[in-house]
Amino acid sequence: NGVEVGGHRTQGLRRQMQPVFQDPSA
């Protein structure tokens, strides 16, 4: 969204991005 990941505004990106990983049990 035009904001650099790892930059000073990264915290605002946390809600916009989510992972779903391989092992649901873990």
mmCIF file of all heavy atoms, coordinates in Angstrom:
data_MODEL
# 
_entry.id   MODEL 
# 
loop_
_atom_site.group_PDB 
_atom_site.id 
_atom_site.type_symbol 
_atom_site.label_atom_id 
_atom_site.label_alt_id 
_atom_site.label_comp_id 
_atom_site.label_asym_id 
_atom_site.label_entity_id 
_atom_site.label_seq_id 
_atom_site.pdbx_PDB_ins_code 
_atom_site.Cartn_x 
_atom_site.Cartn_y 
_atom_site.Cartn_z 
_atom_site.occupancy 
_atom_site.B_iso_or_equiv 
_atom_site.pdbx_formal_charge 
_atom_site.auth_seq_id 
_atom_site.auth_comp_id 
_atom_site.auth_asym_id 
_atom_site.auth_atom_id 
_atom_site.pdbx_PDB_model_num 
ATOM 1   N N   . ASN A 1 1  ? 0.833   -1.216  0.000  1.00 0.00 ? 1  ASN A N   1 
ATOM 2   C CA  . ASN A 1 1  ? 0.000   0.000   0.000  1.00 0.00 ? 1  ASN A CA  1 
ATOM 3   C C   . ASN A 1 1  ? 0.859   1.254   0.000  1.00 0.00 ? 1  ASN A C   1 
ATOM 4   O O   . ASN A 1 1  ? 0.505   2.267   0.627  1.00 0.00 ? 1  ASN A O   1 
ATOM 5   C CB  . ASN A 1 1  ? -0.951  0.011   1.199  1.00 0.00 ? 1  ASN A CB  1 
ATOM 6   C CG  . ASN A 1 1  ? -2.391  -0.248  0.793  1.00 0.00 ? 1  ASN A CG  1 
ATOM 7   O OD1 . ASN A 1 1  ? -2.754  -0.112  -0.372 1.00 0.00 ? 1  ASN A OD1 1 
ATOM 8   N ND2 . ASN A 1 1  ? -3.209  -0.620  1.753  1.00 0.00 ? 1  ASN A ND2 1 
ATOM 9   N N   . GLY A 1 2  ? 2.014   1.182   -0.640 1.00 0.00 ? 2  GLY A N   1 
ATOM 10  C CA  . GLY A 1 2  ? 2.896   2.331   -0.731 1.00 0.00 ? 2  GLY A CA  1 
ATOM 11  C C   . GLY A 1 2  ? 3.742   2.602   0.487  1.00 0.00 ? 2  GLY A C   1 
ATOM 12  O O   . GLY A 1 2  ? 4.519   3.556   0.507  1.00 0.00 ? 2  GLY A O   1 
ATOM 13  N N   . VAL A 1 3  ? 3.618   1.749   1.518  1.00 0.00 ? 3  VAL A N   1 
ATOM 14  C CA  . VAL A 1 3  ? 4.387   1.916   2.747  1.00 0.00 ? 3  VAL A CA  1 
ATOM 15  C C   . VAL A 1 3  ? 5.485   0.859   2.789  1.00 0.00 ? 3  VAL A C   1 
ATOM 16  O O   . VAL A 1 3  ? 5.227   -0.330  2.556  1.00 0.00 ? 3  VAL A O   1 
ATOM 17  C CB  . VAL A 1 3  ? 3.490   1.779   4.001  1.00 0.00 ? 3  VAL A CB  1 
ATOM 18  C CG1 . VAL A 1 3  ? 4.320   1.881   5.269  1.00 0.00 ? 3  VAL A CG1 1 
ATOM 19  C CG2 . VAL A 1 3  ? 2.400   2.840   3.978  1.00 0.00 ? 3  VAL A CG2 1 
ATOM 20  N N   . GLU A 1 4  ? 6.706   1.274   3.091  1.00 0.00 ? 4  GLU A N   1 
ATOM 21  C CA  . GLU A 1 4  ? 7.811   0.332   3.108  1.00 0.00 ? 4  GLU A CA  1 
ATOM 22  C C   . GLU A 1 4  ? 7.748   -0.576  4.333  1.00 0.00 ? 4  GLU A C   1 
ATOM 23  O O   . GLU A 1 4  ? 7.662   -0.107  5.464  1.00 0.00 ? 4  GLU A O   1 
ATOM 24  C CB  . GLU A 1 4  ? 9.154   1.071   3.089  1.00 0.00 ? 4  GLU A CB  1 
ATOM 25  C CG  . GLU A 1 4  ? 10.347  0.123   2.985  1.00 0.00 ? 4  GLU A CG  1 
ATOM 26  C CD  . GLU A 1 4  ? 11.660  0.836   2.744  1.00 0.00 ? 4  GLU A CD  1 
ATOM 27  O OE1 . GLU A 1 4  ? 11.651  2.073   2.550  1.00 0.00 ? 4  GLU A OE1 1 
ATOM 28  O OE2 . GLU A 1 4  ? 12.706  0.153   2.744  1.00 0.00 ? 4  GLU A OE2 1 
ATOM 29  N N   . VAL A 1 5  ? 7.786   -1.867  4.088  1.00 0.00 ? 5  VAL A N   1 
ATOM 30  C CA  . VAL A 1 5  ? 7.810   -2.844  5.172  1.00 0.00 ? 5  VAL A CA  1 
ATOM 31  C C   . VAL A 1 5  ? 9.150   -2.721  5.892  1.00 0.00 ? 5  VAL A C   1 
ATOM 32  O O   . VAL A 1 5  ? 10.203  -2.724  5.274  1.00 0.00 ? 5  VAL A O   1 
ATOM 33  C CB  . VAL A 1 5  ? 7.626   -4.274  4.628  1.00 0.00 ? 5  VAL A CB  1 
ATOM 34  C CG1 . VAL A 1 5  ? 7.758   -5.301  5.750  1.00 0.00 ? 5  VAL A CG1 1 
ATOM 35  C CG2 . VAL A 1 5  ? 6.273   -4.405  3.938  1.00 0.00 ? 5  VAL A CG2 1 
ATOM 36  N N   . GLY A 1 6  ? 9.099   -2.604  7.211  1.00 0.00 ? 6  GLY A N   1 
ATOM 37  C CA  . GLY A 1 6  ? 10.313  -2.405  7.985  1.00 0.00 ? 6  GLY A CA  1 
ATOM 38  C C   . GLY A 1 6  ? 10.606  -0.954  8.273  1.00 0.00 ? 6  GLY A C   1 
ATOM 39  O O   . GLY A 1 6  ? 11.479  -0.636  9.078  1.00 0.00 ? 6  GLY A O   1 
ATOM 40  N N   . GLY A 1 7  ? 9.875   -0.064  7.620  1.00 0.00 ? 7  GLY A N   1 
ATOM 41  C CA  . GLY A 1 7  ? 10.055  1.356   7.881  1.00 0.00 ? 7  GLY A CA  1 
ATOM 42  C C   . GLY A 1 7  ? 9.333   1.782   9.151  1.00 0.00 ? 7  GLY A C   1 
ATOM 43  O O   . GLY A 1 7  ? 8.724   0.979   9.853  1.00 0.00 ? 7  GLY A O   1 
ATOM 44  N N   . HIS A 1 8  ? 9.370   3.078   9.441  1.00 0.00 ? 8  HIS A N   1 
ATOM 45  C CA  . HIS A 1 8  ? 8.818   3.567   10.712 1.00 0.00 ? 8  HIS A CA  1 
ATOM 46  C C   . HIS A 1 8  ? 7.301   3.473   10.765 1.00 0.00 ? 8  HIS A C   1 
ATOM 47  O O   . HIS A 1 8  ? 6.701   3.558   11.837 1.00 0.00 ? 8  HIS A O   1 
ATOM 48  C CB  . HIS A 1 8  ? 9.263   5.014   10.960 1.00 0.00 ? 8  HIS A CB  1 
ATOM 49  C CG  . HIS A 1 8  ? 8.684   6.010   10.001 1.00 0.00 ? 8  HIS A CG  1 
ATOM 50  N ND1 . HIS A 1 8  ? 9.170   6.184   8.720  1.00 0.00 ? 8  HIS A ND1 1 
ATOM 51  C CD2 . HIS A 1 8  ? 7.643   6.872   10.124 1.00 0.00 ? 8  HIS A CD2 1 
ATOM 52  C CE1 . HIS A 1 8  ? 8.467   7.119   8.102  1.00 0.00 ? 8  HIS A CE1 1 
ATOM 53  N NE2 . HIS A 1 8  ? 7.539   7.553   8.925  1.00 0.00 ? 8  HIS A NE2 1 
ATOM 54  N N   . ARG A 1 9  ? 6.651   3.268   9.595  1.00 0.00 ? 9  ARG A N   1 
ATOM 55  C CA  . ARG A 1 9  ? 5.198   3.155   9.586  1.00 0.00 ? 9  ARG A CA  1 
ATOM 56  C C   . ARG A 1 9  ? 4.723   1.704   9.444  1.00 0.00 ? 9  ARG A C   1 
ATOM 57  O O   . ARG A 1 9  ? 3.549   1.457   9.189  1.00 0.00 ? 9  ARG A O   1 
ATOM 58  C CB  . ARG A 1 9  ? 4.622   3.994   8.443  1.00 0.00 ? 9  ARG A CB  1 
ATOM 59  C CG  . ARG A 1 9  ? 4.792   5.492   8.633  1.00 0.00 ? 9  ARG A CG  1 
ATOM 60  C CD  . ARG A 1 9  ? 3.958   6.257   7.629  1.00 0.00 ? 9  ARG A CD  1 
ATOM 61  N NE  . ARG A 1 9  ? 4.439   6.052   6.259  1.00 0.00 ? 9  ARG A NE  1 
ATOM 62  C CZ  . ARG A 1 9  ? 3.697   6.295   5.172  1.00 0.00 ? 9  ARG A CZ  1 
ATOM 63  N NH1 . ARG A 1 9  ? 2.466   6.731   5.295  1.00 0.00 ? 9  ARG A NH1 1 
ATOM 64  N NH2 . ARG A 1 9  ? 4.208   6.099   3.966  1.00 0.00 ? 9  ARG A NH2 1 
ATOM 65  N N   . THR A 1 10 ? 5.603   0.740   9.633  1.00 0.00 ? 10 THR A N   1 
ATOM 66  C CA  . THR A 1 10 ? 5.258   -0.660  9.430  1.00 0.00 ? 10 THR A CA  1 
ATOM 67  C C   . THR A 1 10 ? 4.120   -1.121  10.331 1.00 0.00 ? 10 THR A C   1 
ATOM 68  O O   . THR A 1 10 ? 3.302   -1.948  9.926  1.00 0.00 ? 10 THR A O   1 
ATOM 69  C CB  . THR A 1 10 ? 6.486   -1.560  9.672  1.00 0.00 ? 10 THR A CB  1 
ATOM 70  O OG1 . THR A 1 10 ? 7.488   -1.230  8.701  1.00 0.00 ? 10 THR A OG1 1 
ATOM 71  C CG2 . THR A 1 10 ? 6.132   -3.027  9.504  1.00 0.00 ? 10 THR A CG2 1 
ATOM 72  N N   . GLN A 1 11 ? 4.059   -0.601  11.557 1.00 0.00 ? 11 GLN A N   1 
ATOM 73  C CA  . GLN A 1 11 ? 3.037   -1.050  12.497 1.00 0.00 ? 11 GLN A CA  1 
ATOM 74  C C   . GLN A 1 11 ? 1.638   -0.933  11.902 1.00 0.00 ? 11 GLN A C   1 
ATOM 75  O O   . GLN A 1 11 ? 0.771   -1.767  12.153 1.00 0.00 ? 11 GLN A O   1 
ATOM 76  C CB  . GLN A 1 11 ? 3.135   -0.247  13.799 1.00 0.00 ? 11 GLN A CB  1 
ATOM 77  C CG  . GLN A 1 11 ? 2.206   -0.744  14.902 1.00 0.00 ? 11 GLN A CG  1 
ATOM 78  C CD  . GLN A 1 11 ? 2.515   -2.168  15.315 1.00 0.00 ? 11 GLN A CD  1 
ATOM 79  O OE1 . GLN A 1 11 ? 3.666   -2.570  15.332 1.00 0.00 ? 11 GLN A OE1 1 
ATOM 80  N NE2 . GLN A 1 11 ? 1.484   -2.926  15.647 1.00 0.00 ? 11 GLN A NE2 1 
ATOM 81  N N   . GLY A 1 12 ? 1.428   0.090   11.106 1.00 0.00 ? 12 GLY A N   1 
ATOM 82  C CA  . GLY A 1 12 ? 0.123   0.276   10.486 1.00 0.00 ? 12 GLY A CA  1 
ATOM 83  C C   . GLY A 1 12 ? -0.214  -0.773  9.446  1.00 0.00 ? 12 GLY A C   1 
ATOM 84  O O   . GLY A 1 12 ? -1.377  -0.923  9.053  1.00 0.00 ? 12 GLY A O   1 
ATOM 85  N N   . LEU A 1 13 ? 0.803   -1.521  8.989  1.00 0.00 ? 13 LEU A N   1 
ATOM 86  C CA  . LEU A 1 13 ? 0.575   -2.566  7.990  1.00 0.00 ? 13 LEU A CA  1 
ATOM 87  C C   . LEU A 1 13 ? 0.133   -3.881  8.603  1.00 0.00 ? 13 LEU A C   1 
ATOM 88  O O   . LEU A 1 13 ? -0.387  -4.746  7.898  1.00 0.00 ? 13 LEU A O   1 
ATOM 89  C CB  . LEU A 1 13 ? 1.859   -2.819  7.178  1.00 0.00 ? 13 LEU A CB  1 
ATOM 90  C CG  . LEU A 1 13 ? 2.389   -1.686  6.326  1.00 0.00 ? 13 LEU A CG  1 
ATOM 91  C CD1 . LEU A 1 13 ? 3.713   -2.092  5.690  1.00 0.00 ? 13 LEU A CD1 1 
ATOM 92  C CD2 . LEU A 1 13 ? 1.386   -1.307  5.247  1.00 0.00 ? 13 LEU A CD2 1 
ATOM 93  N N   . ARG A 1 14 ? 0.344   -4.045  9.908  1.00 0.00 ? 14 ARG A N   1 
ATOM 94  C CA  . ARG A 1 14 ? 0.110   -5.353  10.530 1.00 0.00 ? 14 ARG A CA  1 
ATOM 95  C C   . ARG A 1 14 ? -1.311  -5.838  10.317 1.00 0.00 ? 14 ARG A C   1 
ATOM 96  O O   . ARG A 1 14 ? -1.551  -7.013  10.073 1.00 0.00 ? 14 ARG A O   1 
ATOM 97  C CB  . ARG A 1 14 ? 0.404   -5.280  12.033 1.00 0.00 ? 14 ARG A CB  1 
ATOM 98  C CG  . ARG A 1 14 ? 1.835   -4.917  12.378 1.00 0.00 ? 14 ARG A CG  1 
ATOM 99  C CD  . ARG A 1 14 ? 2.823   -5.936  11.879 1.00 0.00 ? 14 ARG A CD  1 
ATOM 100 N NE  . ARG A 1 14 ? 4.173   -5.617  12.334 1.00 0.00 ? 14 ARG A NE  1 
ATOM 101 C CZ  . ARG A 1 14 ? 5.264   -6.169  11.836 1.00 0.00 ? 14 ARG A CZ  1 
ATOM 102 N NH1 . ARG A 1 14 ? 5.165   -7.060  10.876 1.00 0.00 ? 14 ARG A NH1 1 
ATOM 103 N NH2 . ARG A 1 14 ? 6.464   -5.831  12.288 1.00 0.00 ? 14 ARG A NH2 1 
ATOM 104 N N   . ARG A 1 15 ? -2.256  -4.926  10.421 1.00 0.00 ? 15 ARG A N   1 
ATOM 105 C CA  . ARG A 1 15 ? -3.656  -5.314  10.280 1.00 0.00 ? 15 ARG A CA  1 
ATOM 106 C C   . ARG A 1 15 ? -3.994  -5.661  8.834  1.00 0.00 ? 15 ARG A C   1 
ATOM 107 O O   . ARG A 1 15 ? -4.931  -6.434  8.577  1.00 0.00 ? 15 ARG A O   1 
ATOM 108 C CB  . ARG A 1 15 ? -4.549  -4.177  10.776 1.00 0.00 ? 15 ARG A CB  1 
ATOM 109 C CG  . ARG A 1 15 ? -6.026  -4.518  10.758 1.00 0.00 ? 15 ARG A CG  1 
ATOM 110 C CD  . ARG A 1 15 ? -6.858  -3.485  11.482 1.00 0.00 ? 15 ARG A CD  1 
ATOM 111 N NE  . ARG A 1 15 ? -8.257  -3.847  11.456 1.00 0.00 ? 15 ARG A NE  1 
ATOM 112 C CZ  . ARG A 1 15 ? -9.203  -3.222  12.144 1.00 0.00 ? 15 ARG A CZ  1 
ATOM 113 N NH1 . ARG A 1 15 ? -8.874  -2.205  12.917 1.00 0.00 ? 15 ARG A NH1 1 
ATOM 114 N NH2 . ARG A 1 15 ? -10.450 -3.607  12.075 1.00 0.00 ? 15 ARG A NH2 1 
ATOM 115 N N   . GLN A 1 16 ? -3.266  -5.107  7.892  1.00 0.00 ? 16 GLN A N   1 
ATOM 116 C CA  . GLN A 1 16 ? -3.574  -5.312  6.478  1.00 0.00 ? 16 GLN A CA  1 
ATOM 117 C C   . GLN A 1 16 ? -3.060  -6.643  5.935  1.00 0.00 ? 16 GLN A C   1 
ATOM 118 O O   . GLN A 1 16 ? -3.517  -7.100  4.891  1.00 0.00 ? 16 GLN A O   1 
ATOM 119 C CB  . GLN A 1 16 ? -2.979  -4.172  5.647  1.00 0.00 ? 16 GLN A CB  1 
ATOM 120 C CG  . GLN A 1 16 ? -3.502  -2.799  6.010  1.00 0.00 ? 16 GLN A CG  1 
ATOM 121 C CD  . GLN A 1 16 ? -2.794  -1.703  5.240  1.00 0.00 ? 16 GLN A CD  1 
ATOM 122 O OE1 . GLN A 1 16 ? -2.394  -1.891  4.092  1.00 0.00 ? 16 GLN A OE1 1 
ATOM 123 N NE2 . GLN A 1 16 ? -2.616  -0.555  5.873  1.00 0.00 ? 16 GLN A NE2 1 
ATOM 124 N N   . MET A 1 17 ? -2.087  -7.254  6.626  1.00 0.00 ? 17 MET A N   1 
ATOM 125 C CA  . MET A 1 17 ? -1.449  -8.472  6.131  1.00 0.00 ? 17 MET A CA  1 
ATOM 126 C C   . MET A 1 17 ? -1.598  -9.599  7.151  1.00 0.00 ? 17 MET A C   1 
ATOM 127 O O   . MET A 1 17 ? -1.347  -9.393  8.340  1.00 0.00 ? 17 MET A O   1 
ATOM 128 C CB  . MET A 1 17 ? 0.039   -8.239  5.871  1.00 0.00 ? 17 MET A CB  1 
ATOM 129 C CG  . MET A 1 17 ? 0.353   -7.089  4.949  1.00 0.00 ? 17 MET A CG  1 
ATOM 130 S SD  . MET A 1 17 ? 2.121   -7.026  4.537  1.00 0.00 ? 17 MET A SD  1 
ATOM 131 C CE  . MET A 1 17 ? 2.831   -6.585  6.126  1.00 0.00 ? 17 MET A CE  1 
ATOM 132 N N   . GLN A 1 18 ? -1.973  -10.790 6.672  1.00 0.00 ? 18 GLN A N   1 
ATOM 133 C CA  . GLN A 1 18 ? -2.096  -11.932 7.569  1.00 0.00 ? 18 GLN A CA  1 
ATOM 134 C C   . GLN A 1 18 ? -1.573  -13.184 6.873  1.00 0.00 ? 18 GLN A C   1 
ATOM 135 O O   . GLN A 1 18 ? -1.742  -13.353 5.662  1.00 0.00 ? 18 GLN A O   1 
ATOM 136 C CB  . GLN A 1 18 ? -3.547  -12.150 7.988  1.00 0.00 ? 18 GLN A CB  1 
ATOM 137 C CG  . GLN A 1 18 ? -4.110  -11.071 8.895  1.00 0.00 ? 18 GLN A CG  1 
ATOM 138 C CD  . GLN A 1 18 ? -3.440  -11.043 10.255 1.00 0.00 ? 18 GLN A CD  1 
ATOM 139 O OE1 . GLN A 1 18 ? -3.197  -12.084 10.851 1.00 0.00 ? 18 GLN A OE1 1 
ATOM 140 N NE2 . GLN A 1 18 ? -3.139  -9.844  10.745 1.00 0.00 ? 18 GLN A NE2 1 
ATOM 141 N N   . PRO A 1 19 ? -0.951  -14.101 7.619  1.00 0.00 ? 19 PRO A N   1 
ATOM 142 C CA  . PRO A 1 19 ? -0.477  -15.359 7.034  1.00 0.00 ? 19 PRO A CA  1 
ATOM 143 C C   . PRO A 1 19 ? -1.392  -16.536 7.375  1.00 0.00 ? 19 PRO A C   1 
ATOM 144 O O   . PRO A 1 19 ? -2.060  -16.558 8.413  1.00 0.00 ? 19 PRO A O   1 
ATOM 145 C CB  . PRO A 1 19 ? 0.880   -15.538 7.712  1.00 0.00 ? 19 PRO A CB  1 
ATOM 146 C CG  . PRO A 1 19 ? 0.663   -14.964 9.092  1.00 0.00 ? 19 PRO A CG  1 
ATOM 147 C CD  . PRO A 1 19 ? -0.361  -13.864 8.959  1.00 0.00 ? 19 PRO A CD  1 
ATOM 148 N N   . VAL A 1 20 ? -1.391  -17.519 6.485  1.00 0.00 ? 20 VAL A N   1 
ATOM 149 C CA  . VAL A 1 20 ? -1.943  -18.849 6.783  1.00 0.00 ? 20 VAL A CA  1 
ATOM 150 C C   . VAL A 1 20 ? -0.841  -19.835 6.427  1.00 0.00 ? 20 VAL A C   1 
ATOM 151 O O   . VAL A 1 20 ? -0.475  -19.967 5.254  1.00 0.00 ? 20 VAL A O   1 
ATOM 152 C CB  . VAL A 1 20 ? -3.217  -19.150 5.964  1.00 0.00 ? 20 VAL A CB  1 
ATOM 153 C CG1 . VAL A 1 20 ? -3.677  -20.594 6.210  1.00 0.00 ? 20 VAL A CG1 1 
ATOM 154 C CG2 . VAL A 1 20 ? -4.331  -18.172 6.330  1.00 0.00 ? 20 VAL A CG2 1 
ATOM 155 N N   . PHE A 1 21 ? -0.302  -20.510 7.440  1.00 0.00 ? 21 PHE A N   1 
ATOM 156 C CA  . PHE A 1 21 ? 0.849   -21.373 7.216  1.00 0.00 ? 21 PHE A CA  1 
ATOM 157 C C   . PHE A 1 21 ? 0.437   -22.825 6.977  1.00 0.00 ? 21 PHE A C   1 
ATOM 158 O O   . PHE A 1 21 ? -0.735  -23.186 7.064  1.00 0.00 ? 21 PHE A O   1 
ATOM 159 C CB  . PHE A 1 21 ? 1.819   -21.275 8.391  1.00 0.00 ? 21 PHE A CB  1 
ATOM 160 C CG  . PHE A 1 21 ? 2.483   -19.925 8.514  1.00 0.00 ? 21 PHE A CG  1 
ATOM 161 C CD1 . PHE A 1 21 ? 2.352   -19.163 9.670  1.00 0.00 ? 21 PHE A CD1 1 
ATOM 162 C CD2 . PHE A 1 21 ? 3.231   -19.407 7.464  1.00 0.00 ? 21 PHE A CD2 1 
ATOM 163 C CE1 . PHE A 1 21 ? 2.958   -17.925 9.787  1.00 0.00 ? 21 PHE A CE1 1 
ATOM 164 C CE2 . PHE A 1 21 ? 3.838   -18.161 7.567  1.00 0.00 ? 21 PHE A CE2 1 
ATOM 165 C CZ  . PHE A 1 21 ? 3.706   -17.423 8.731  1.00 0.00 ? 21 PHE A CZ  1 
ATOM 166 N N   . GLN A 1 22 ? 1.440   -23.632 6.716  1.00 0.00 ? 22 GLN A N   1 
ATOM 167 C CA  . GLN A 1 22 ? 1.247   -24.998 6.245  1.00 0.00 ? 22 GLN A CA  1 
ATOM 168 C C   . GLN A 1 22 ? 0.544   -25.904 7.244  1.00 0.00 ? 22 GLN A C   1 
ATOM 169 O O   . GLN A 1 22 ? -0.398  -26.609 6.899  1.00 0.00 ? 22 GLN A O   1 
ATOM 170 C CB  . GLN A 1 22 ? 2.615   -25.589 5.883  1.00 0.00 ? 22 GLN A CB  1 
ATOM 171 C CG  . GLN A 1 22 ? 2.571   -27.052 5.471  1.00 0.00 ? 22 GLN A CG  1 
ATOM 172 C CD  . GLN A 1 22 ? 3.959   -27.551 5.095  1.00 0.00 ? 22 GLN A CD  1 
ATOM 173 O OE1 . GLN A 1 22 ? 4.918   -26.786 5.094  1.00 0.00 ? 22 GLN A OE1 1 
ATOM 174 N NE2 . GLN A 1 22 ? 4.063   -28.809 4.763  1.00 0.00 ? 22 GLN A NE2 1 
ATOM 175 N N   . ASP A 1 23 ? 1.015   -25.911 8.480  1.00 0.00 ? 23 ASP A N   1 
ATOM 176 C CA  . ASP A 1 23 ? 0.542   -26.890 9.455  1.00 0.00 ? 23 ASP A CA  1 
ATOM 177 C C   . ASP A 1 23 ? -0.437  -26.232 10.428 1.00 0.00 ? 23 ASP A C   1 
ATOM 178 O O   . ASP A 1 23 ? -0.028  -25.512 11.334 1.00 0.00 ? 23 ASP A O   1 
ATOM 179 C CB  . ASP A 1 23 ? 1.739   -27.460 10.226 1.00 0.00 ? 23 ASP A CB  1 
ATOM 180 C CG  . ASP A 1 23 ? 1.344   -28.572 11.189 1.00 0.00 ? 23 ASP A CG  1 
ATOM 181 O OD1 . ASP A 1 23 ? 0.131   -28.835 11.321 1.00 0.00 ? 23 ASP A OD1 1 
ATOM 182 O OD2 . ASP A 1 23 ? 2.240   -29.179 11.793 1.00 0.00 ? 23 ASP A OD2 1 
ATOM 183 N N   . PRO A 1 24 ? -1.745  -26.478 10.265 1.00 0.00 ? 24 PRO A N   1 
ATOM 184 C CA  . PRO A 1 24 ? -2.710  -25.828 11.154 1.00 0.00 ? 24 PRO A CA  1 
ATOM 185 C C   . PRO A 1 24 ? -2.567  -26.263 12.606 1.00 0.00 ? 24 PRO A C   1 
ATOM 186 O O   . PRO A 1 24 ? -2.851  -25.489 13.520 1.00 0.00 ? 24 PRO A O   1 
ATOM 187 C CB  . PRO A 1 24 ? -4.063  -26.256 10.577 1.00 0.00 ? 24 PRO A CB  1 
ATOM 188 C CG  . PRO A 1 24 ? -3.789  -27.507 9.808  1.00 0.00 ? 24 PRO A CG  1 
ATOM 189 C CD  . PRO A 1 24 ? -2.397  -27.344 9.276  1.00 0.00 ? 24 PRO A CD  1 
ATOM 190 N N   . SER A 1 25 ? -2.111  -27.487 12.831 1.00 0.00 ? 25 SER A N   1 
ATOM 191 C CA  . SER A 1 25 ? -1.949  -27.963 14.209 1.00 0.00 ? 25 SER A CA  1 
ATOM 192 C C   . SER A 1 25 ? -0.896  -27.159 14.946 1.00 0.00 ? 25 SER A C   1 
ATOM 193 O O   . SER A 1 25 ? -1.059  -26.802 16.120 1.00 0.00 ? 25 SER A O   1 
ATOM 194 C CB  . SER A 1 25 ? -1.575  -29.447 14.211 1.00 0.00 ? 25 SER A CB  1 
ATOM 195 O OG  . SER A 1 25 ? -2.590  -30.225 13.609 1.00 0.00 ? 25 SER A OG  1 
ATOM 196 N N   . ALA A 1 26 ? 0.214   -26.851 14.260 1.00 0.00 ? 26 ALA A N   1 
ATOM 197 C CA  . ALA A 1 26 ? 1.286   -26.086 14.878 1.00 0.00 ? 26 ALA A CA  1 
ATOM 198 C C   . ALA A 1 26 ? 0.888   -24.630 15.078 1.00 0.00 ? 26 ALA A C   1 
ATOM 199 O O   . ALA A 1 26 ? 1.406   -23.950 15.965 1.00 0.00 ? 26 ALA A O   1 
ATOM 200 C CB  . ALA A 1 26 ? 2.551   -26.171 14.028 1.00 0.00 ? 26 ALA A CB  1 
# 
